Amino acid sequence: HMAVALGLALLLNARVRGVPLWRTAFYLPSITPVVAVALLWRFILNPA
């Protein structure tokens, strides 16, 4: 968790276009309700 978050922060700290958009996209999952996240990942991680 710390490595991925630091990697994303380093990328967003670079001087590139669209940083506010990417920052919002990366932050949105953290404010999504836990139940909704778990239901979404139930489909993503489905073995079949």
All heavy atoms as atom14 arrays in JSON, in Angstrom:
{
  "sequence": "HMAVALGLALLLNARVRGVPLWRTAFYLPSITPVVAVALLWRFILNPA",
  "atom14_mask": [
    [1, 1, 1, 1, 1, 1, 1, 1, 1, 1, 0, 0, 0, 0],
    [1, 1, 1, 1, 1, 1, 1, 1, 0, 0, 0, 0, 0, 0],
    [1, 1, 1, 1, 1, 0, 0, 0, 0, 0, 0, 0, 0, 0],
    [1, 1, 1, 1, 1, 1, 1, 0, 0, 0, 0, 0, 0, 0],
    [1, 1, 1, 1, 1, 0, 0, 0, 0, 0, 0, 0, 0, 0],
    [1, 1, 1, 1, 1, 1, 1, 1, 0, 0, 0, 0, 0, 0],
    [1, 1, 1, 1, 0, 0, 0, 0, 0, 0, 0, 0, 0, 0],
    [1, 1, 1, 1, 1, 1, 1, 1, 0, 0, 0, 0, 0, 0],
    [1, 1, 1, 1, 1, 0, 0, 0, 0, 0, 0, 0, 0, 0],
    [1, 1, 1, 1, 1, 1, 1, 1, 0, 0, 0, 0, 0, 0],
    [1, 1, 1, 1, 1, 1, 1, 1, 0, 0, 0, 0, 0, 0],
    [1, 1, 1, 1, 1, 1, 1, 1, 0, 0, 0, 0, 0, 0],
    [1, 1, 1, 1, 1, 1, 1, 1, 0, 0, 0, 0, 0, 0],
    [1, 1, 1, 1, 1, 0, 0, 0, 0, 0, 0, 0, 0, 0],
    [1, 1, 1, 1, 1, 1, 1, 1, 1, 1, 1, 0, 0, 0],
    [1, 1, 1, 1, 1, 1, 1, 0, 0, 0, 0, 0, 0, 0],
    [1, 1, 1, 1, 1, 1, 1, 1, 1, 1, 1, 0, 0, 0],
    [1, 1, 1, 1, 0, 0, 0, 0, 0, 0, 0, 0, 0, 0],
    [1, 1, 1, 1, 1, 1, 1, 0, 0, 0, 0, 0, 0, 0],
    [1, 1, 1, 1, 1, 1, 1, 0, 0, 0, 0, 0, 0, 0],
    [1, 1, 1, 1, 1, 1, 1, 1, 0, 0, 0, 0, 0, 0],
    [1, 1, 1, 1, 1, 1, 1, 1, 1, 1, 1, 1, 1, 1],
    [1, 1, 1, 1, 1, 1, 1, 1, 1, 1, 1, 0, 0, 0],
    [1, 1, 1, 1, 1, 1, 1, 0, 0, 0, 0, 0, 0, 0],
    [1, 1, 1, 1, 1, 0, 0, 0, 0, 0, 0, 0, 0, 0],
    [1, 1, 1, 1, 1, 1, 1, 1, 1, 1, 1, 0, 0, 0],
    [1, 1, 1, 1, 1, 1, 1, 1, 1, 1, 1, 1, 0, 0],
    [1, 1, 1, 1, 1, 1, 1, 1, 0, 0, 0, 0, 0, 0],
    [1, 1, 1, 1, 1, 1, 1, 0, 0, 0, 0, 0, 0, 0],
    [1, 1, 1, 1, 1, 1, 0, 0, 0, 0, 0, 0, 0, 0],
    [1, 1, 1, 1, 1, 1, 1, 1, 0, 0, 0, 0, 0, 0],
    [1, 1, 1, 1, 1, 1, 1, 0, 0, 0, 0, 0, 0, 0],
    [1, 1, 1, 1, 1, 1, 1, 0, 0, 0, 0, 0, 0, 0],
    [1, 1, 1, 1, 1, 1, 1, 0, 0, 0, 0, 0, 0, 0],
    [1, 1, 1, 1, 1, 1, 1, 0, 0, 0, 0, 0, 0, 0],
    [1, 1, 1, 1, 1, 0, 0, 0, 0, 0, 0, 0, 0, 0],
    [1, 1, 1, 1, 1, 1, 1, 0, 0, 0, 0, 0, 0, 0],
    [1, 1, 1, 1, 1, 0, 0, 0, 0, 0, 0, 0, 0, 0],
    [1, 1, 1, 1, 1, 1, 1, 1, 0, 0, 0, 0, 0, 0],
    [1, 1, 1, 1, 1, 1, 1, 1, 0, 0, 0, 0, 0, 0],
    [1, 1, 1, 1, 1, 1, 1, 1, 1, 1, 1, 1, 1, 1],
    [1, 1, 1, 1, 1, 1, 1, 1, 1, 1, 1, 0, 0, 0],
    [1, 1, 1, 1, 1, 1, 1, 1, 1, 1, 1, 0, 0, 0],
    [1, 1, 1, 1, 1, 1, 1, 1, 0, 0, 0, 0, 0, 0],
    [1, 1, 1, 1, 1, 1, 1, 1, 0, 0, 0, 0, 0, 0],
    [1, 1, 1, 1, 1, 1, 1, 1, 0, 0, 0, 0, 0, 0],
    [1, 1, 1, 1, 1, 1, 1, 0, 0, 0, 0, 0, 0, 0],
    [1, 1, 1, 1, 1, 0, 0, 0, 0, 0, 0, 0, 0, 0]
  ],
  "atom14_positions": [
    [[0.83, -1.21, 0.0], [0.0, 0.0, 0.0], [0.86, 1.26, 0.0], [0.62, 2.2, -0.78], [-0.9, -0.03, 1.24], [-1.54, 1.27, 1.58], [-2.58, 1.8, 0.88], [-1.27, 2.16, 2.58], [-2.94, 2.95, 1.42], [-2.15, 3.2, 2.44], [0.0, 0.0, 0.0], [0.0, 0.0, 0.0], [0.0, 0.0, 0.0], [0.0, 0.0, 0.0]],
    [[1.89, 1.28, 0.83], [2.76, 2.44, 0.89], [3.56, 2.6, -0.4], [3.72, 3.73, -0.89], [3.71, 2.3, 2.09], [3.02, 2.35, 3.44], [4.14, 2.04, 4.83], [5.29, 3.41, 4.66], [0.0, 0.0, 0.0], [0.0, 0.0, 0.0], [0.0, 0.0, 0.0], [0.0, 0.0, 0.0], [0.0, 0.0, 0.0], [0.0, 0.0, 0.0]],
    [[4.04, 1.5, -0.97], [4.84, 1.58, -2.2], [4.0, 2.09, -3.36], [4.44, 2.95, -4.14], [5.43, 0.21, -2.51], [0.0, 0.0, 0.0], [0.0, 0.0, 0.0], [0.0, 0.0, 0.0], [0.0, 0.0, 0.0], [0.0, 0.0, 0.0], [0.0, 0.0, 0.0], [0.0, 0.0, 0.0], [0.0, 0.0, 0.0], [0.0, 0.0, 0.0]],
    [[2.78, 1.56, -3.51], [1.92, 1.99, -4.62], [1.52, 3.45, -4.45], [1.56, 4.23, -5.41], [0.68, 1.08, -4.7], [-0.34, 1.64, -5.69], [1.08, -0.34, -5.11], [0.0, 0.0, 0.0], [0.0, 0.0, 0.0], [0.0, 0.0, 0.0], [0.0, 0.0, 0.0], [0.0, 0.0, 0.0], [0.0, 0.0, 0.0], [0.0, 0.0, 0.0]],
    [[1.14, 3.83, -3.23], [0.74, 5.22, -3.0], [1.9, 6.18, -3.25], [1.72, 7.26, -3.84], [0.23, 5.38, -1.57], [0.0, 0.0, 0.0], [0.0, 0.0, 0.0], [0.0, 0.0, 0.0], [0.0, 0.0, 0.0], [0.0, 0.0, 0.0], [0.0, 0.0, 0.0], [0.0, 0.0, 0.0], [0.0, 0.0, 0.0], [0.0, 0.0, 0.0]],
    [[3.11, 5.8, -2.84], [4.27, 6.65, -3.08], [4.58, 6.73, -4.56], [4.92, 7.81, -5.08], [5.47, 6.11, -2.31], [6.78, 6.89, -2.47], [6.6, 8.35, -2.06], [7.9, 6.25, -1.65], [0.0, 0.0, 0.0], [0.0, 0.0, 0.0], [0.0, 0.0, 0.0], [0.0, 0.0, 0.0], [0.0, 0.0, 0.0], [0.0, 0.0, 0.0]],
    [[4.47, 5.61, -5.27], [4.7, 5.63, -6.71], [3.73, 6.55, -7.43], [4.13, 7.32, -8.32], [0.0, 0.0, 0.0], [0.0, 0.0, 0.0], [0.0, 0.0, 0.0], [0.0, 0.0, 0.0], [0.0, 0.0, 0.0], [0.0, 0.0, 0.0], [0.0, 0.0, 0.0], [0.0, 0.0, 0.0], [0.0, 0.0, 0.0], [0.0, 0.0, 0.0]],
    [[2.46, 6.48, -7.07], [1.47, 7.36, -7.69], [1.76, 8.83, -7.34], [1.62, 9.71, -8.2], [0.07, 6.98, -7.22], [-0.47, 5.63, -7.7], [-1.82, 5.34, -7.05], [-0.58, 5.59, -9.21], [0.0, 0.0, 0.0], [0.0, 0.0, 0.0], [0.0, 0.0, 0.0], [0.0, 0.0, 0.0], [0.0, 0.0, 0.0], [0.0, 0.0, 0.0]],
    [[2.16, 9.09, -6.12], [2.47, 10.47, -5.73], [3.65, 11.01, -6.52], [3.66, 12.18, -6.92], [2.75, 10.53, -4.23], [0.0, 0.0, 0.0], [0.0, 0.0, 0.0], [0.0, 0.0, 0.0], [0.0, 0.0, 0.0], [0.0, 0.0, 0.0], [0.0, 0.0, 0.0], [0.0, 0.0, 0.0], [0.0, 0.0, 0.0], [0.0, 0.0, 0.0]],
    [[4.66, 10.17, -6.74], [5.81, 10.61, -7.53], [5.4, 10.91, -8.97], [5.89, 11.89, -9.57], [6.9, 9.52, -7.51], [7.62, 9.32, -6.17], [8.47, 8.07, -6.21], [8.48, 10.54, -5.85], [0.0, 0.0, 0.0], [0.0, 0.0, 0.0], [0.0, 0.0, 0.0], [0.0, 0.0, 0.0], [0.0, 0.0, 0.0], [0.0, 0.0, 0.0]],
    [[4.5, 10.1, -9.52], [4.03, 10.37, -10.87], [3.23, 11.67, -10.93], [3.4, 12.47, -11.87], [3.16, 9.21, -11.36], [3.88, 7.89, -11.65], [2.88, 6.8, -11.99], [4.89, 8.05, -12.78], [0.0, 0.0, 0.0], [0.0, 0.0, 0.0], [0.0, 0.0, 0.0], [0.0, 0.0, 0.0], [0.0, 0.0, 0.0], [0.0, 0.0, 0.0]],
    [[2.38, 11.89, -9.96], [1.57, 13.11, -9.95], [2.39, 14.34, -9.62], [1.95, 15.46, -9.9], [0.43, 12.95, -8.94], [-0.64, 11.91, -9.28], [-1.66, 11.82, -8.16], [-1.31, 12.24, -10.59], [0.0, 0.0, 0.0], [0.0, 0.0, 0.0], [0.0, 0.0, 0.0], [0.0, 0.0, 0.0], [0.0, 0.0, 0.0], [0.0, 0.0, 0.0]],
    [[3.55, 14.15, -9.02], [4.42, 15.29, -8.7], [5.2, 15.76, -9.91], [5.79, 16.84, -9.89], [5.39, 14.91, -7.58], [6.04, 16.11, -6.95], [5.38, 17.12, -6.65], [7.34, 16.03, -6.73], [0.0, 0.0, 0.0], [0.0, 0.0, 0.0], [0.0, 0.0, 0.0], [0.0, 0.0, 0.0], [0.0, 0.0, 0.0], [0.0, 0.0, 0.0]],
    [[5.2, 14.94, -10.97], [5.89, 15.34, -12.2], [5.1, 16.45, -12.89], [3.88, 16.54, -12.78], [6.04, 14.14, -13.13], [0.0, 0.0, 0.0], [0.0, 0.0, 0.0], [0.0, 0.0, 0.0], [0.0, 0.0, 0.0], [0.0, 0.0, 0.0], [0.0, 0.0, 0.0], [0.0, 0.0, 0.0], [0.0, 0.0, 0.0], [0.0, 0.0, 0.0]],
    [[5.81, 17.26, -13.63], [5.18, 18.4, -14.29], [4.64, 17.96, -15.65], [5.27, 18.14, -16.69], [6.19, 19.54, -14.45], [6.67, 20.08, -13.1], [7.76, 21.11, -13.26], [8.25, 21.6, -11.97], [9.25, 22.45, -11.81], [9.91, 22.9, -12.89], [9.62, 22.85, -10.62], [0.0, 0.0, 0.0], [0.0, 0.0, 0.0], [0.0, 0.0, 0.0]],
    [[3.47, 17.37, -15.63], [2.81, 16.91, -16.86], [1.4, 17.47, -16.89], [0.86, 17.92, -15.88], [2.78, 15.37, -16.92], [4.18, 14.8, -17.01], [2.05, 14.79, -15.71], [0.0, 0.0, 0.0], [0.0, 0.0, 0.0], [0.0, 0.0, 0.0], [0.0, 0.0, 0.0], [0.0, 0.0, 0.0], [0.0, 0.0, 0.0], [0.0, 0.0, 0.0]],
    [[0.8, 17.41, -18.07], [-0.55, 17.94, -18.23], [-1.57, 16.95, -17.66], [-1.37, 15.76, -17.66], [-0.83, 18.2, -19.71], [0.08, 19.25, -20.34], [-0.26, 19.46, -21.8], [-1.64, 19.92, -21.99], [-2.2, 20.17, -23.17], [-1.5, 19.96, -24.29], [-3.44, 20.59, -23.24], [0.0, 0.0, 0.0], [0.0, 0.0, 0.0], [0.0, 0.0, 0.0]],
    [[-2.68, 17.5, -17.19], [-3.78, 16.67, -16.71], [-3.6, 16.12, -15.32], [-4.29, 15.17, -14.94], [0.0, 0.0, 0.0], [0.0, 0.0, 0.0], [0.0, 0.0, 0.0], [0.0, 0.0, 0.0], [0.0, 0.0, 0.0], [0.0, 0.0, 0.0], [0.0, 0.0, 0.0], [0.0, 0.0, 0.0], [0.0, 0.0, 0.0], [0.0, 0.0, 0.0]],
    [[-2.67, 16.7, -14.54], [-2.44, 16.18, -13.19], [-3.7, 16.25, -12.32], [-4.01, 15.29, -11.61], [-1.27, 16.93, -12.53], [-1.22, 16.65, -11.03], [0.05, 16.52, -13.16], [0.0, 0.0, 0.0], [0.0, 0.0, 0.0], [0.0, 0.0, 0.0], [0.0, 0.0, 0.0], [0.0, 0.0, 0.0], [0.0, 0.0, 0.0], [0.0, 0.0, 0.0]],
    [[-4.48, 17.35, -12.34], [-5.71, 17.37, -11.51], [-6.68, 16.24, -11.86], [-7.3, 15.66, -10.97], [-6.31, 18.74, -11.8], [-5.16, 19.6, -12.21], [-4.24, 18.68, -12.97], [0.0, 0.0, 0.0], [0.0, 0.0, 0.0], [0.0, 0.0, 0.0], [0.0, 0.0, 0.0], [0.0, 0.0, 0.0], [0.0, 0.0, 0.0], [0.0, 0.0, 0.0]],
    [[-6.79, 15.93, -13.15], [-7.68, 14.84, -13.57], [-7.2, 13.5, -13.03], [-7.99, 12.72, -12.47], [-7.76, 14.8, -15.09], [-8.59, 13.65, -15.68], [-10.05, 13.78, -15.26], [-8.48, 13.65, -17.21], [0.0, 0.0, 0.0], [0.0, 0.0, 0.0], [0.0, 0.0, 0.0], [0.0, 0.0, 0.0], [0.0, 0.0, 0.0], [0.0, 0.0, 0.0]],
    [[-5.9, 13.22, -13.16], [-5.36, 11.96, -12.66], [-5.43, 11.89, -11.14], [-5.7, 10.83, -10.57], [-3.91, 11.79, -13.13], [-3.78, 11.54, -14.59], [-3.28, 12.38, -15.54], [-4.18, 10.35, -15.29], [-3.32, 11.81, -16.77], [-3.86, 10.55, -16.65], [-4.76, 9.15, -14.91], [-4.12, 9.59, -17.62], [-5.02, 8.18, -15.86], [-4.7, 8.4, -17.2]],
    [[-5.19, 13.02, -10.51], [-5.26, 13.05, -9.05], [-6.67, 12.68, -8.57], [-6.83, 11.91, -7.62], [-4.87, 14.44, -8.55], [-4.7, 14.56, -7.06], [-4.36, 15.99, -6.68], [-3.18, 16.46, -7.38], [-2.81, 17.73, -7.44], [-3.54, 18.67, -6.87], [-1.72, 18.08, -8.09], [0.0, 0.0, 0.0], [0.0, 0.0, 0.0], [0.0, 0.0, 0.0]],
    [[-7.67, 13.22, -9.23], [-9.06, 12.9, -8.88], [-9.36, 11.43, -9.15], [-10.01, 10.76, -8.33], [-10.02, 13.78, -9.69], [-9.72, 15.16, -9.44], [-11.47, 13.49, -9.31], [0.0, 0.0, 0.0], [0.0, 0.0, 0.0], [0.0, 0.0, 0.0], [0.0, 0.0, 0.0], [0.0, 0.0, 0.0], [0.0, 0.0, 0.0], [0.0, 0.0, 0.0]],
    [[-8.89, 10.92, -10.3], [-9.16, 9.53, -10.65], [-8.53, 8.57, -9.65], [-9.14, 7.56, -9.28], [-8.63, 9.25, -12.05], [0.0, 0.0, 0.0], [0.0, 0.0, 0.0], [0.0, 0.0, 0.0], [0.0, 0.0, 0.0], [0.0, 0.0, 0.0], [0.0, 0.0, 0.0], [0.0, 0.0, 0.0], [0.0, 0.0, 0.0], [0.0, 0.0, 0.0]],
    [[-7.32, 8.86, -9.2], [-6.66, 7.97, -8.25], [-7.24, 8.09, -6.84], [-7.18, 7.14, -6.06], [-5.15, 8.29, -8.19], [-4.42, 7.91, -9.44], [-3.39, 8.7, -9.94], [-4.73, 6.75, -10.13], [-2.7, 8.35, -11.09], [-4.05, 6.39, -11.29], [-3.04, 7.19, -11.76], [0.0, 0.0, 0.0], [0.0, 0.0, 0.0], [0.0, 0.0, 0.0]],
    [[-7.83, 9.25, -6.54], [-8.35, 9.46, -5.19], [-9.77, 8.92, -5.02], [-10.15, 8.51, -3.91], [-8.32, 10.95, -4.84], [-8.84, 11.27, -3.47], [-8.12, 10.91, -2.34], [-10.06, 11.91, -3.29], [-8.58, 11.18, -1.06], [-10.54, 12.19, -2.01], [-9.8, 11.83, -0.91], [-10.26, 12.1, 0.35], [0.0, 0.0, 0.0], [0.0, 0.0, 0.0]],
    [[-10.55, 8.89, -6.08], [-11.96, 8.51, -5.99], [-12.19, 7.15, -5.31], [-13.11, 7.01, -4.49], [-12.61, 8.51, -7.38], [-13.1, 9.86, -7.89], [-13.64, 9.74, -9.3], [-14.17, 10.43, -6.96], [0.0, 0.0, 0.0], [0.0, 0.0, 0.0], [0.0, 0.0, 0.0], [0.0, 0.0, 0.0], [0.0, 0.0, 0.0], [0.0, 0.0, 0.0]],
    [[-11.4, 6.11, -5.61], [-11.66, 4.82, -4.95], [-11.58, 4.89, -3.42], [-12.27, 4.12, -2.74], [-10.56, 3.91, -5.51], [-10.23, 4.49, -6.84], [-10.35, 5.97, -6.65], [0.0, 0.0, 0.0], [0.0, 0.0, 0.0], [0.0, 0.0, 0.0], [0.0, 0.0, 0.0], [0.0, 0.0, 0.0], [0.0, 0.0, 0.0], [0.0, 0.0, 0.0]],
    [[-10.78, 5.8, -2.89], [-10.62, 5.86, -1.44], [-11.84, 6.45, -0.74], [-12.0, 6.27, 0.47], [-9.37, 6.68, -1.07], [-9.54, 8.04, -1.44], [0.0, 0.0, 0.0], [0.0, 0.0, 0.0], [0.0, 0.0, 0.0], [0.0, 0.0, 0.0], [0.0, 0.0, 0.0], [0.0, 0.0, 0.0], [0.0, 0.0, 0.0], [0.0, 0.0, 0.0]],
    [[-12.7, 7.15, -1.47], [-13.92, 7.7, -0.87], [-15.15, 6.92, -1.29], [-16.27, 7.29, -0.95], [-14.09, 9.2, -1.2], [-14.17, 9.41, -2.71], [-12.96, 10.01, -0.61], [-14.48, 10.85, -3.1], [0.0, 0.0, 0.0], [0.0, 0.0, 0.0], [0.0, 0.0, 0.0], [0.0, 0.0, 0.0], [0.0, 0.0, 0.0], [0.0, 0.0, 0.0]],
    [[-14.96, 5.83, -2.05], [-16.06, 4.96, -2.41], [-16.42, 4.08, -1.22], [-15.52, 3.55, -0.56], [-15.69, 4.08, -3.62], [-15.25, 4.91, -4.7], [-16.86, 3.23, -4.07], [0.0, 0.0, 0.0], [0.0, 0.0, 0.0], [0.0, 0.0, 0.0], [0.0, 0.0, 0.0], [0.0, 0.0, 0.0], [0.0, 0.0, 0.0], [0.0, 0.0, 0.0]],
    [[-17.69, 3.9, -0.9], [-18.06, 3.04, 0.24], [-17.45, 1.65, 0.13], [-17.33, 1.08, -0.95], [-19.59, 2.99, 0.16], [-19.97, 4.26, -0.55], [-18.86, 4.53, -1.53], [0.0, 0.0, 0.0], [0.0, 0.0, 0.0], [0.0, 0.0, 0.0], [0.0, 0.0, 0.0], [0.0, 0.0, 0.0], [0.0, 0.0, 0.0], [0.0, 0.0, 0.0]],
    [[-17.05, 1.12, 1.29], [-16.36, -0.17, 1.32], [-17.21, -1.27, 0.71], [-16.71, -2.14, -0.01], [-15.97, -0.52, 2.77], [-15.38, -1.92, 2.85], [-14.99, 0.5, 3.32], [0.0, 0.0, 0.0], [0.0, 0.0, 0.0], [0.0, 0.0, 0.0], [0.0, 0.0, 0.0], [0.0, 0.0, 0.0], [0.0, 0.0, 0.0], [0.0, 0.0, 0.0]],
    [[-18.51, -1.25, 0.99], [-19.39, -2.29, 0.46], [-19.42, -2.23, -1.06], [-19.37, -3.27, -1.74], [-20.8, -2.14, 1.05], [-21.77, -3.11, 0.37], [-20.78, -2.37, 2.55], [0.0, 0.0, 0.0], [0.0, 0.0, 0.0], [0.0, 0.0, 0.0], [0.0, 0.0, 0.0], [0.0, 0.0, 0.0], [0.0, 0.0, 0.0], [0.0, 0.0, 0.0]],
    [[-19.5, -1.03, -1.62], [-19.5, -0.89, -3.08], [-18.19, -1.38, -3.68], [-18.18, -2.05, -4.73], [-19.75, 0.57, -3.46], [0.0, 0.0, 0.0], [0.0, 0.0, 0.0], [0.0, 0.0, 0.0], [0.0, 0.0, 0.0], [0.0, 0.0, 0.0], [0.0, 0.0, 0.0], [0.0, 0.0, 0.0], [0.0, 0.0, 0.0], [0.0, 0.0, 0.0]],
    [[-17.07, -1.07, -3.03], [-15.77, -1.53, -3.51], [-15.71, -3.05, -3.49], [-15.25, -3.7, -4.45], [-14.63, -0.93, -2.66], [-13.3, -1.59, -2.99], [-14.55, 0.57, -2.87], [0.0, 0.0, 0.0], [0.0, 0.0, 0.0], [0.0, 0.0, 0.0], [0.0, 0.0, 0.0], [0.0, 0.0, 0.0], [0.0, 0.0, 0.0], [0.0, 0.0, 0.0]],
    [[-16.17, -3.67, -2.4], [-16.13, -5.13, -2.29], [-17.01, -5.79, -3.34], [-16.63, -6.82, -3.93], [-16.56, -5.54, -0.89], [0.0, 0.0, 0.0], [0.0, 0.0, 0.0], [0.0, 0.0, 0.0], [0.0, 0.0, 0.0], [0.0, 0.0, 0.0], [0.0, 0.0, 0.0], [0.0, 0.0, 0.0], [0.0, 0.0, 0.0], [0.0, 0.0, 0.0]],
    [[-18.19, -5.22, -3.61], [-19.07, -5.78, -4.63], [-18.44, -5.67, -6.01], [-18.54, -6.6, -6.83], [-20.43, -5.07, -4.61], [-21.31, -5.35, -3.39], [-22.56, -4.48, -3.41], [-21.7, -6.83, -3.35], [0.0, 0.0, 0.0], [0.0, 0.0, 0.0], [0.0, 0.0, 0.0], [0.0, 0.0, 0.0], [0.0, 0.0, 0.0], [0.0, 0.0, 0.0]],
    [[-17.79, -4.53, -6.28], [-17.12, -4.37, -7.56], [-16.01, -5.39, -7.73], [-15.89, -6.05, -8.78], [-16.54, -2.94, -7.66], [-15.61, -2.66, -8.85], [-16.38, -2.81, -10.16], [-15.0, -1.28, -8.74], [0.0, 0.0, 0.0], [0.0, 0.0, 0.0], [0.0, 0.0, 0.0], [0.0, 0.0, 0.0], [0.0, 0.0, 0.0], [0.0, 0.0, 0.0]],
    [[-15.19, -5.58, -6.68], [-14.07, -6.51, -6.77], [-14.52, -7.97, -6.72], [-13.77, -8.86, -7.12], [-13.06, -6.21, -5.68], [-12.15, -5.1, -6.08], [-12.39, -3.77, -5.99], [-10.87, -5.23, -6.7], [-11.34, -3.06, -6.49], [-10.39, -3.93, -6.93], [-10.09, -6.32, -7.06], [-9.17, -3.7, -7.53], [-8.86, -6.08, -7.64], [-8.41, -4.78, -7.88]],
    [[-15.75, -8.22, -6.27], [-16.27, -9.58, -6.37], [-16.39, -10.0, -7.82], [-16.11, -11.15, -8.18], [-17.63, -9.68, -5.68], [-18.26, -11.06, -5.77], [-19.66, -11.07, -5.23], [-19.69, -10.9, -3.78], [-20.82, -10.86, -3.08], [-21.99, -10.94, -3.7], [-20.77, -10.74, -1.77], [0.0, 0.0, 0.0], [0.0, 0.0, 0.0], [0.0, 0.0, 0.0]],
    [[-16.78, -9.05, -8.69], [-16.84, -9.34, -10.12], [-15.45, -9.39, -10.74], [-15.16, -10.22, -11.6], [-17.71, -8.29, -10.84], [-19.16, -8.35, -10.47], [-19.71, -7.43, -9.6], [-19.98, -9.35, -10.98], [-21.06, -7.49, -9.25], [-21.33, -9.42, -10.64], [-21.86, -8.49, -9.77], [0.0, 0.0, 0.0], [0.0, 0.0, 0.0], [0.0, 0.0, 0.0]],
    [[-14.57, -8.49, -10.31], [-13.23, -8.45, -10.88], [-12.45, -9.73, -10.56], [-11.73, -10.29, -11.39], [-12.47, -7.21, -10.38], [-13.14, -5.94, -10.89], [-11.0, -7.25, -10.8], [-12.53, -4.67, -10.33], [0.0, 0.0, 0.0], [0.0, 0.0, 0.0], [0.0, 0.0, 0.0], [0.0, 0.0, 0.0], [0.0, 0.0, 0.0], [0.0, 0.0, 0.0]],
    [[-12.6, -10.22, -9.32], [-11.83, -11.37, -8.86], [-12.53, -12.71, -9.06], [-12.01, -13.75, -8.64], [-11.5, -11.21, -7.36], [-10.64, -10.01, -6.98], [-10.48, -9.93, -5.46], [-9.27, -10.08, -7.65], [0.0, 0.0, 0.0], [0.0, 0.0, 0.0], [0.0, 0.0, 0.0], [0.0, 0.0, 0.0], [0.0, 0.0, 0.0], [0.0, 0.0, 0.0]],
    [[-13.68, -12.7, -9.69], [-14.4, -13.95, -9.93], [-13.51, -14.94, -10.68], [-13.02, -14.63, -11.77], [-15.67, -13.68, -10.73], [-16.57, -14.89, -10.81], [-16.17, -15.94, -11.33], [-17.78, -14.76, -10.3], [0.0, 0.0, 0.0], [0.0, 0.0, 0.0], [0.0, 0.0, 0.0], [0.0, 0.0, 0.0], [0.0, 0.0, 0.0], [0.0, 0.0, 0.0]],
    [[-13.26, -16.15, -10.13], [-12.33, -17.08, -10.78], [-12.79, -17.54, -12.16], [-11.96, -17.82, -13.03], [-12.27, -18.26, -9.8], [-12.75, -17.72, -8.51], [-13.76, -16.67, -8.84], [0.0, 0.0, 0.0], [0.0, 0.0, 0.0], [0.0, 0.0, 0.0], [0.0, 0.0, 0.0], [0.0, 0.0, 0.0], [0.0, 0.0, 0.0], [0.0, 0.0, 0.0]],
    [[-14.1, -17.6, -12.37], [-14.61, -18.14, -13.63], [-14.55, -17.13, -14.76], [-13.96, -17.38, -15.82], [-16.05, -18.64, -13.43], [0.0, 0.0, 0.0], [0.0, 0.0, 0.0], [0.0, 0.0, 0.0], [0.0, 0.0, 0.0], [0.0, 0.0, 0.0], [0.0, 0.0, 0.0], [0.0, 0.0, 0.0], [0.0, 0.0, 0.0], [0.0, 0.0, 0.0]]
  ]
}
